[in-house]
């Protein structure tokens, strides 16, 4: 995949994630999700475990959007 294709796919996946957030939150609250082609490909309660699952499936994490599904009213401080 070219960088342009990766960027275009990431933007589409992020848009889908944001638009679908209420439904995604109901199913995956508190979990990490891997998104590909506007679908949840895999999920896990831990980032490291998610990456292991994706590796076993032969997925290239560079081609995926990885997000944590936080409850809508949760505030994250960095």
PDB file of N, CA and C in Angstrom:
ATOM      1  N   UNK A   1       0.841  -1.193   0.000  1.00  0.00           N
ATOM      2  CA  UNK A   1       0.000   0.000   0.000  1.00  0.00           C
ATOM      3  C   UNK A   1       0.879   1.248   0.000  1.00  0.00           C
ATOM      4  N   UNK A   2       0.429   2.234  -0.726  1.00  0.00           N
ATOM      5  CA  UNK A   2       1.154   3.502  -0.729  1.00  0.00           C
ATOM      6  C   UNK A   2       0.763   4.323   0.496  1.00  0.00           C
ATOM      7  N   UNK A   3       1.556   5.337   0.785  1.00  0.00           N
ATOM      8  CA  UNK A   3       1.248   6.212   1.918  1.00  0.00           C
ATOM      9  C   UNK A   3      -0.101   6.904   1.735  1.00  0.00           C
ATOM     10  N   UNK A   4      -0.413   7.286   0.510  1.00  0.00           N
ATOM     11  CA  UNK A   4      -1.702   7.939   0.231  1.00  0.00           C
ATOM     12  C   UNK A   4      -2.855   6.978   0.508  1.00  0.00           C
ATOM     13  N   UNK A   5      -2.710   5.724   0.100  1.00  0.00           N
ATOM     14  CA  UNK A   5      -3.748   4.722   0.351  1.00  0.00           C
ATOM     15  C   UNK A   5      -3.919   4.492   1.854  1.00  0.00           C
ATOM     16  N   UNK A   6      -2.801   4.419   2.591  1.00  0.00           N
ATOM     17  CA  UNK A   6      -2.871   4.238   4.042  1.00  0.00           C
ATOM     18  C   UNK A   6      -3.585   5.412   4.702  1.00  0.00           C
ATOM     19  N   UNK A   7      -3.231   6.615   4.288  1.00  0.00           N
ATOM     20  CA  UNK A   7      -3.850   7.806   4.859  1.00  0.00           C
ATOM     21  C   UNK A   7      -5.335   7.873   4.534  1.00  0.00           C
ATOM     22  N   UNK A   8      -5.692   7.595   3.305  1.00  0.00           N
ATOM     23  CA  UNK A   8      -7.094   7.608   2.894  1.00  0.00           C
ATOM     24  C   UNK A   8      -7.904   6.576   3.676  1.00  0.00           C
ATOM     25  N   UNK A   9      -7.340   5.376   3.839  1.00  0.00           N
ATOM     26  CA  UNK A   9      -8.013   4.332   4.609  1.00  0.00           C
ATOM     27  C   UNK A   9      -8.161   4.714   6.068  1.00  0.00           C
ATOM     28  N   UNK A  10      -7.119   5.325   6.636  1.00  0.00           N
ATOM     29  CA  UNK A  10      -7.178   5.743   8.038  1.00  0.00           C
ATOM     30  C   UNK A  10      -8.246   6.803   8.262  1.00  0.00           C
ATOM     31  N   UNK A  11      -8.339   7.742   7.345  1.00  0.00           N
ATOM     32  CA  UNK A  11      -9.349   8.797   7.465  1.00  0.00           C
ATOM     33  C   UNK A  11     -10.752   8.195   7.391  1.00  0.00           C
ATOM     34  N   UNK A  12     -10.966   7.292   6.446  1.00  0.00           N
ATOM     35  CA  UNK A  12     -12.286   6.643   6.314  1.00  0.00           C
ATOM     36  C   UNK A  12     -12.613   5.837   7.565  1.00  0.00           C
ATOM     37  N   UNK A  13     -11.636   5.115   8.099  1.00  0.00           N
ATOM     38  CA  UNK A  13     -11.870   4.319   9.306  1.00  0.00           C
ATOM     39  C   UNK A  13     -12.143   5.199  10.517  1.00  0.00           C
ATOM     40  N   UNK A  14     -11.425   6.308  10.639  1.00  0.00           N
ATOM     41  CA  UNK A  14     -11.645   7.220  11.758  1.00  0.00           C
ATOM     42  C   UNK A  14     -13.020   7.865  11.661  1.00  0.00           C
ATOM     43  N   UNK A  15     -13.417   8.253  10.465  1.00  0.00           N
ATOM     44  CA  UNK A  15     -14.752   8.831  10.258  1.00  0.00           C
ATOM     45  C   UNK A  15     -15.828   7.809  10.657  1.00  0.00           C
ATOM     46  N   UNK A  16     -15.671   6.562  10.203  1.00  0.00           N
ATOM     47  CA  UNK A  16     -16.631   5.511  10.546  1.00  0.00           C
ATOM     48  C   UNK A  16     -16.669   5.291  12.054  1.00  0.00           C
ATOM     49  N   UNK A  17     -15.492   5.254  12.690  1.00  0.00           N
ATOM     50  CA  UNK A  17     -15.404   5.055  14.141  1.00  0.00           C
ATOM     51  C   UNK A  17     -16.174   6.151  14.875  1.00  0.00           C
ATOM     52  N   UNK A  18     -15.940   7.403  14.496  1.00  0.00           N
ATOM     53  CA  UNK A  18     -16.614   8.524  15.157  1.00  0.00           C
ATOM     54  C   UNK A  18     -18.118   8.499  14.928  1.00  0.00           C
ATOM     55  N   UNK A  19     -18.537   8.211  13.714  1.00  0.00           N
ATOM     56  CA  UNK A  19     -19.970   8.168  13.398  1.00  0.00           C
ATOM     57  C   UNK A  19     -20.679   6.999  14.075  1.00  0.00           C
ATOM     58  N   UNK A  20     -19.966   5.908  14.281  1.00  0.00           N
ATOM     59  CA  UNK A  20     -20.553   4.686  14.849  1.00  0.00           C
ATOM     60  C   UNK A  20     -20.287   4.542  16.340  1.00  0.00           C
ATOM     61  N   UNK A  21     -19.728   5.579  16.957  1.00  0.00           N
ATOM     62  CA  UNK A  21     -19.254   5.450  18.333  1.00  0.00           C
ATOM     63  C   UNK A  21     -20.304   4.959  19.329  1.00  0.00           C
ATOM     64  N   UNK A  22     -21.531   5.447  19.304  1.00  0.00           N
ATOM     65  CA  UNK A  22     -22.498   4.944  20.289  1.00  0.00           C
ATOM     66  C   UNK A  22     -22.672   3.417  20.238  1.00  0.00           C
ATOM     67  N   UNK A  23     -22.750   2.868  19.036  1.00  0.00           N
ATOM     68  CA  UNK A  23     -22.907   1.412  18.891  1.00  0.00           C
ATOM     69  C   UNK A  23     -21.615   0.685  19.283  1.00  0.00           C
ATOM     70  N   UNK A  24     -20.494   1.246  18.881  1.00  0.00           N
ATOM     71  CA  UNK A  24     -19.197   0.634  19.217  1.00  0.00           C
ATOM     72  C   UNK A  24     -18.994   0.646  20.728  1.00  0.00           C
ATOM     73  N   UNK A  25     -19.351   1.765  21.370  1.00  0.00           N
ATOM     74  CA  UNK A  25     -19.187   1.876  22.815  1.00  0.00           C
ATOM     75  C   UNK A  25     -19.994   0.808  23.549  1.00  0.00           C
ATOM     76  N   UNK A  26     -21.206   0.546  23.093  1.00  0.00           N
ATOM     77  CA  UNK A  26     -22.050  -0.462  23.748  1.00  0.00           C
ATOM     78  C   UNK A  26     -21.379  -1.834  23.750  1.00  0.00           C
ATOM     79  N   UNK A  27     -20.729  -2.193  22.648  1.00  0.00           N
ATOM     80  CA  UNK A  27     -20.142  -3.529  22.515  1.00  0.00           C
ATOM     81  C   UNK A  27     -18.714  -3.625  23.044  1.00  0.00           C
ATOM     82  N   UNK A  28     -17.954  -2.539  22.947  1.00  0.00           N
ATOM     83  CA  UNK A  28     -16.514  -2.629  23.195  1.00  0.00           C
ATOM     84  C   UNK A  28     -15.995  -1.638  24.236  1.00  0.00           C
ATOM     85  N   UNK A  29     -16.857  -1.115  25.099  1.00  0.00           N
ATOM     86  CA  UNK A  29     -16.459  -0.123  26.097  1.00  0.00           C
ATOM     87  C   UNK A  29     -15.263  -0.618  26.924  1.00  0.00           C
ATOM     88  N   UNK A  30     -14.230   0.210  27.008  1.00  0.00           N
ATOM     89  CA  UNK A  30     -13.054  -0.120  27.799  1.00  0.00           C
ATOM     90  C   UNK A  30     -12.050  -1.002  27.082  1.00  0.00           C
ATOM     91  N   UNK A  31     -12.316  -1.342  25.838  1.00  0.00           N
ATOM     92  CA  UNK A  31     -11.419  -2.226  25.090  1.00  0.00           C
ATOM     93  C   UNK A  31     -10.679  -1.466  23.999  1.00  0.00           C
ATOM     94  N   UNK A  32      -9.620  -2.079  23.527  1.00  0.00           N
ATOM     95  CA  UNK A  32      -8.916  -1.599  22.352  1.00  0.00           C
ATOM     96  C   UNK A  32      -9.491  -2.324  21.152  1.00  0.00           C
ATOM     97  N   UNK A  33      -9.673  -1.587  20.061  1.00  0.00           N
ATOM     98  CA  UNK A  33     -10.200  -2.198  18.847  1.00  0.00           C
ATOM     99  C   UNK A  33      -9.266  -1.898  17.676  1.00  0.00           C
ATOM    100  N   UNK A  34      -9.205  -2.850  16.760  1.00  0.00           N
ATOM    101  CA  UNK A  34      -8.473  -2.678  15.505  1.00  0.00           C
ATOM    102  C   UNK A  34      -9.515  -2.579  14.410  1.00  0.00           C
ATOM    103  N   UNK A  35      -9.431  -1.514  13.621  1.00  0.00           N
ATOM    104  CA  UNK A  35     -10.424  -1.247  12.585  1.00  0.00           C
ATOM    105  C   UNK A  35      -9.769  -1.338  11.219  1.00  0.00           C
ATOM    106  N   UNK A  36     -10.451  -2.042  10.328  1.00  0.00           N
ATOM    107  CA  UNK A  36      -9.988  -2.192   8.949  1.00  0.00           C
ATOM    108  C   UNK A  36     -11.215  -2.191   8.052  1.00  0.00           C
ATOM    109  N   UNK A  37     -11.173  -1.415   6.991  1.00  0.00           N
ATOM    110  CA  UNK A  37     -12.283  -1.346   6.038  1.00  0.00           C
ATOM    111  C   UNK A  37     -13.612  -1.056   6.738  1.00  0.00           C
ATOM    112  N   UNK A  38     -13.557  -0.127   7.701  1.00  0.00           N
ATOM    113  CA  UNK A  38     -14.747   0.321   8.424  1.00  0.00           C
ATOM    114  C   UNK A  38     -15.462  -0.812   9.163  1.00  0.00           C
ATOM    115  N   UNK A  39     -14.666  -1.729   9.723  1.00  0.00           N
ATOM    116  CA  UNK A  39     -15.188  -2.837  10.532  1.00  0.00           C
ATOM    117  C   UNK A  39     -14.233  -3.086  11.689  1.00  0.00           C
ATOM    118  N   UNK A  40     -14.775  -3.568  12.795  1.00  0.00           N
ATOM    119  CA  UNK A  40     -13.933  -3.985  13.913  1.00  0.00           C
ATOM    120  C   UNK A  40     -13.362  -5.345  13.539  1.00  0.00           C
ATOM    121  N   UNK A  41     -12.058  -5.394  13.388  1.00  0.00           N
ATOM    122  CA  UNK A  41     -11.378  -6.620  13.004  1.00  0.00           C
ATOM    123  C   UNK A  41     -11.079  -7.492  14.226  1.00  0.00           C
ATOM    124  N   UNK A  42     -10.691  -6.837  15.326  1.00  0.00           N
ATOM    125  CA  UNK A  42     -10.312  -7.564  16.538  1.00  0.00           C
ATOM    126  C   UNK A  42     -10.448  -6.606  17.712  1.00  0.00           C
ATOM    127  N   UNK A  43     -10.582  -7.158  18.929  1.00  0.00           N
ATOM    128  CA  UNK A  43     -10.646  -6.324  20.126  1.00  0.00           C
ATOM    129  C   UNK A  43     -10.000  -7.047  21.293  1.00  0.00           C
ATOM    130  N   UNK A  44      -9.619  -6.273  22.304  1.00  0.00           N
ATOM    131  CA  UNK A  44      -9.002  -6.843  23.496  1.00  0.00           C
ATOM    132  C   UNK A  44      -9.012  -5.810  24.620  1.00  0.00           C
ATOM    133  N   UNK A  45      -8.928  -6.293  25.849  1.00  0.00           N
ATOM    134  CA  UNK A  45      -8.857  -5.387  26.992  1.00  0.00           C
ATOM    135  C   UNK A  45      -7.461  -4.792  27.144  1.00  0.00           C
ATOM    136  N   UNK A  46      -6.465  -5.368  26.471  1.00  0.00           N
ATOM    137  CA  UNK A  46      -5.103  -4.845  26.563  1.00  0.00           C
ATOM    138  C   UNK A  46      -4.536  -4.594  25.169  1.00  0.00           C
ATOM    139  N   UNK A  47      -3.778  -3.507  25.048  1.00  0.00           N
ATOM    140  CA  UNK A  47      -3.159  -3.160  23.773  1.00  0.00           C
ATOM    141  C   UNK A  47      -2.204  -4.265  23.326  1.00  0.00           C
ATOM    142  N   UNK A  48      -1.376  -4.748  24.253  1.00  0.00           N
ATOM    143  CA  UNK A  48      -0.403  -5.783  23.897  1.00  0.00           C
ATOM    144  C   UNK A  48      -1.075  -7.059  23.412  1.00  0.00           C
ATOM    145  N   UNK A  49      -2.143  -7.454  24.065  1.00  0.00           N
ATOM    146  CA  UNK A  49      -2.871  -8.661  23.651  1.00  0.00           C
ATOM    147  C   UNK A  49      -3.526  -8.446  22.283  1.00  0.00           C
ATOM    148  N   UNK A  50      -4.042  -7.254  22.049  1.00  0.00           N
ATOM    149  CA  UNK A  50      -4.612  -6.945  20.746  1.00  0.00           C
ATOM    150  C   UNK A  50      -3.556  -7.101  19.660  1.00  0.00           C
ATOM    151  N   UNK A  51      -2.369  -6.569  19.901  1.00  0.00           N
ATOM    152  CA  UNK A  51      -1.300  -6.664  18.913  1.00  0.00           C
ATOM    153  C   UNK A  51      -0.902  -8.130  18.674  1.00  0.00           C
ATOM    154  N   UNK A  52      -0.890  -8.935  19.721  1.00  0.00           N
ATOM    155  CA  UNK A  52      -0.594 -10.372  19.572  1.00  0.00           C
ATOM    156  C   UNK A  52      -1.648 -11.051  18.697  1.00  0.00           C
ATOM    157  N   UNK A  53      -2.914 -10.749  18.951  1.00  0.00           N
ATOM    158  CA  UNK A  53      -4.000 -11.344  18.160  1.00  0.00           C
ATOM    159  C   UNK A  53      -3.867 -10.969  16.682  1.00  0.00           C
ATOM    160  N   UNK A  54      -3.550  -9.704  16.431  1.00  0.00           N
ATOM    161  CA  UNK A  54      -3.406  -9.238  15.058  1.00  0.00           C
ATOM    162  C   UNK A  54      -2.220  -9.895  14.367  1.00  0.00           C
ATOM    163  N   UNK A  55      -1.134 -10.064  15.111  1.00  0.00           N
ATOM    164  CA  UNK A  55       0.053 -10.722  14.548  1.00  0.00           C
ATOM    165  C   UNK A  55      -0.258 -12.166  14.171  1.00  0.00           C
ATOM    166  N   UNK A  56      -0.998 -12.863  15.043  1.00  0.00           N
ATOM    167  CA  UNK A  56      -1.376 -14.250  14.749  1.00  0.00           C
ATOM    168  C   UNK A  56      -2.249 -14.348  13.502  1.00  0.00           C
ATOM    169  N   UNK A  57      -3.046 -13.302  13.257  1.00  0.00           N
ATOM    170  CA  UNK A  57      -3.901 -13.282  12.070  1.00  0.00           C
ATOM    171  C   UNK A  57      -3.132 -12.844  10.823  1.00  0.00           C
ATOM    172  N   UNK A  58      -1.888 -12.425  11.014  1.00  0.00           N
ATOM    173  CA  UNK A  58      -1.095 -11.971   9.880  1.00  0.00           C
ATOM    174  C   UNK A  58      -1.430 -10.559   9.431  1.00  0.00           C
ATOM    175  N   UNK A  59      -2.044  -9.775  10.306  1.00  0.00           N
ATOM    176  CA  UNK A  59      -2.421  -8.406   9.964  1.00  0.00           C
ATOM    177  C   UNK A  59      -1.246  -7.453  10.184  1.00  0.00           C
ATOM    178  N   UNK A  60      -1.113  -6.506   9.299  1.00  0.00           N
ATOM    179  CA  UNK A  60      -0.098  -5.469   9.405  1.00  0.00           C
ATOM    180  C   UNK A  60      -0.712  -4.293  10.153  1.00  0.00           C
ATOM    181  N   UNK A  61      -0.244  -4.013  11.349  1.00  0.00           N
ATOM    182  CA  UNK A  61      -0.848  -2.962  12.167  1.00  0.00           C
ATOM    183  C   UNK A  61      -0.710  -1.577  11.529  1.00  0.00           C
ATOM    184  N   UNK A  62       0.227  -1.408  10.611  1.00  0.00           N
ATOM    185  CA  UNK A  62       0.365  -0.132   9.908  1.00  0.00           C
ATOM    186  C   UNK A  62      -0.849   0.162   9.031  1.00  0.00           C
ATOM    187  N   UNK A  63      -1.592  -0.868   8.679  1.00  0.00           N
ATOM    188  CA  UNK A  63      -2.748  -0.715   7.798  1.00  0.00           C
ATOM    189  C   UNK A  63      -4.071  -0.647   8.577  1.00  0.00           C
ATOM    190  N   UNK A  64      -3.983  -0.565   9.902  1.00  0.00           N
ATOM    191  CA  UNK A  64      -5.168  -0.584  10.745  1.00  0.00           C
ATOM    192  C   UNK A  64      -5.262   0.687  11.577  1.00  0.00           C
ATOM    193  N   UNK A  65      -6.469   1.011  11.980  1.00  0.00           N
ATOM    194  CA  UNK A  65      -6.684   2.060  12.958  1.00  0.00           C
ATOM    195  C   UNK A  65      -6.886   1.367  14.298  1.00  0.00           C
ATOM    196  N   UNK A  66      -6.059   1.710  15.275  1.00  0.00           N
ATOM    197  CA  UNK A  66      -6.167   1.135  16.613  1.00  0.00           C
ATOM    198  C   UNK A  66      -6.685   2.237  17.541  1.00  0.00           C
ATOM    199  N   UNK A  67      -7.790   1.954  18.221  1.00  0.00           N
ATOM    200  CA  UNK A  67      -8.389   2.927  19.123  1.00  0.00           C
ATOM    201  C   UNK A  67      -8.810   2.255  20.412  1.00  0.00           C
ATOM    202  N   UNK A  68      -8.811   3.013  21.507  1.00  0.00           N
ATOM    203  CA  UNK A  68      -9.398   2.547  22.757  1.00  0.00           C
ATOM    204  C   UNK A  68     -10.802   3.123  22.812  1.00  0.00           C
ATOM    205  N   UNK A  69     -11.761   2.302  23.162  1.00  0.00           N
ATOM    206  CA  UNK A  69     -13.156   2.728  23.246  1.00  0.00           C
ATOM    207  C   UNK A  69     -13.415   3.181  24.681  1.00  0.00           C
ATOM    208  N   UNK A  70     -13.364   4.465  24.877  1.00  0.00           N
ATOM    209  CA  UNK A  70     -13.602   5.051  26.200  1.00  0.00           C
ATOM    210  C   UNK A  70     -15.084   5.338  26.357  1.00  0.00           C
ATOM    211  N   UNK A  71     -15.590   5.221  27.580  1.00  0.00           N
ATOM    212  CA  UNK A  71     -16.979   5.633  27.800  1.00  0.00           C
ATOM    213  C   UNK A  71     -17.139   7.099  27.408  1.00  0.00           C
ATOM    214  N   UNK A  72     -18.287   7.457  26.824  1.00  0.00           N
ATOM    215  CA  UNK A  72     -18.490   8.813  26.314  1.00  0.00           C
ATOM    216  C   UNK A  72     -18.273   9.889  27.369  1.00  0.00           C
ATOM    217  N   UNK A  73     -18.534   9.616  28.633  1.00  0.00           N
ATOM    218  CA  UNK A  73     -18.392  10.626  29.674  1.00  0.00           C
ATOM    219  C   UNK A  73     -17.051  10.551  30.394  1.00  0.00           C
ATOM    220  N   UNK A  74     -16.134   9.727  29.923  1.00  0.00           N
ATOM    221  CA  UNK A  74     -14.811   9.591  30.546  1.00  0.00           C
ATOM    222  C   UNK A  74     -13.898  10.710  30.072  1.00  0.00           C
ATOM    223  N   UNK A  75     -13.158  11.272  31.011  1.00  0.00           N
ATOM    224  CA  UNK A  75     -12.191  12.325  30.686  1.00  0.00           C
ATOM    225  C   UNK A  75     -10.796  11.729  30.822  1.00  0.00           C
ATOM    226  N   UNK A  76      -9.990  11.886  29.784  1.00  0.00           N
ATOM    227  CA  UNK A  76      -8.620  11.383  29.794  1.00  0.00           C
ATOM    228  C   UNK A  76      -7.670  12.564  29.925  1.00  0.00           C
ATOM    229  N   UNK A  77      -6.773  12.495  30.892  1.00  0.00           N
ATOM    230  CA  UNK A  77      -5.786  13.552  31.114  1.00  0.00           C
ATOM    231  C   UNK A  77      -4.411  13.011  30.784  1.00  0.00           C
ATOM    232  N   UNK A  78      -3.707  13.708  29.906  1.00  0.00           N
ATOM    233  CA  UNK A  78      -2.365  13.275  29.503  1.00  0.00           C
ATOM    234  C   UNK A  78      -1.321  14.055  30.239  1.00  0.00           C
TER     235      UNK A  78
END
